[in-house]
Amino acid sequence: MPHAVQYFRLQEWVDSVTGLVALGGLIFGCGLPGWAIVRWVFNFIERNRDAGIDEVAKEVKEVQ
């Protein structure tokens, strides 16, 4: 993220409240894909808590 701020010269946004809000939105937006992947993994683990390894492997293979 810091590299993107430097590359696009977004440091100037820090001088105003509106710019800070915009940077916060940018940071939030960049974090959403990672958050979604983590939630999907945790939901998959919770759903298959009592399943055997063979059942989990079969389900993963069906998804691909």
Protein backbone atom coordinates (compact mmCIF):
# COMPACT_ATOMS: atom_id res chain seq x y z
CA MET A 1 0.00 0.00 0.00
CA PRO A 2 2.67 2.61 0.80
CA HIS A 3 4.24 2.04 -2.58
CA ALA A 4 0.94 2.77 -4.31
CA VAL A 5 0.61 6.00 -2.33
CA GLN A 6 4.10 7.06 -3.37
CA TYR A 7 3.70 5.92 -6.97
CA PHE A 8 0.46 7.85 -7.47
CA ARG A 9 1.72 10.79 -5.35
CA LEU A 10 -1.19 10.58 -2.93
CA GLN A 11 0.82 12.05 -0.02
CA GLU A 12 -0.74 15.43 -0.80
CA TRP A 13 -4.15 14.02 0.19
CA VAL A 14 -3.03 14.01 3.83
CA ASP A 15 -3.24 17.82 3.93
CA SER A 16 -7.05 17.81 4.11
CA VAL A 17 -9.73 15.93 5.99
CA THR A 18 -11.37 14.89 2.73
CA GLY A 19 -8.07 13.48 1.51
CA LEU A 20 -7.60 11.49 4.71
CA VAL A 21 -11.09 10.03 4.34
CA ALA A 22 -10.31 9.12 0.73
CA LEU A 23 -7.05 7.41 1.76
CA GLY A 24 -8.94 5.52 4.44
CA GLY A 25 -11.43 4.34 1.83
CA LEU A 26 -8.59 3.26 -0.44
CA ILE A 27 -6.97 1.28 2.38
CA PHE A 28 -10.33 -0.29 3.26
CA GLY A 29 -10.98 -1.22 -0.37
CA CYS A 30 -7.55 -2.82 -0.73
CA GLY A 31 -8.16 -4.95 2.36
CA LEU A 32 -11.53 -6.34 1.28
CA PRO A 33 -10.26 -9.16 -0.99
CA GLY A 34 -7.98 -10.51 1.75
CA TRP A 35 -10.78 -10.31 4.30
CA ALA A 36 -13.13 -12.20 1.97
CA ILE A 37 -10.61 -15.00 1.39
CA VAL A 38 -9.99 -15.40 5.12
CA ARG A 39 -13.75 -15.54 5.82
CA TRP A 40 -14.27 -18.16 3.09
CA VAL A 41 -11.48 -20.31 4.53
CA PHE A 42 -12.83 -20.07 8.08
CA ASN A 43 -16.37 -20.89 6.90
CA PHE A 44 -15.06 -23.91 4.98
CA ILE A 45 -13.17 -25.14 8.03
CA GLU A 46 -16.19 -24.67 10.29
CA ARG A 47 -18.51 -26.44 7.84
CA ASN A 48 -16.13 -29.42 7.60
CA ARG A 49 -15.18 -29.59 11.27
CA ASP A 50 -16.40 -33.18 11.74
CA ALA A 51 -15.60 -34.44 8.23
CA GLY A 52 -12.84 -36.88 7.52
CA ILE A 53 -9.85 -36.00 5.36
CA ASP A 54 -11.22 -38.07 2.46
CA GLU A 55 -14.51 -36.13 2.50
CA VAL A 56 -12.70 -32.79 2.60
CA ALA A 57 -10.42 -33.82 -0.27
CA LYS A 58 -13.44 -34.92 -2.34
CA GLU A 59 -15.20 -31.58 -1.74
CA VAL A 60 -12.09 -29.58 -2.66
CA LYS A 61 -11.61 -31.67 -5.80
CA GLU A 62 -15.23 -31.02 -6.85
CA VAL A 63 -14.73 -27.25 -6.54
CA GLN A 64 -11.77 -27.27 -8.93
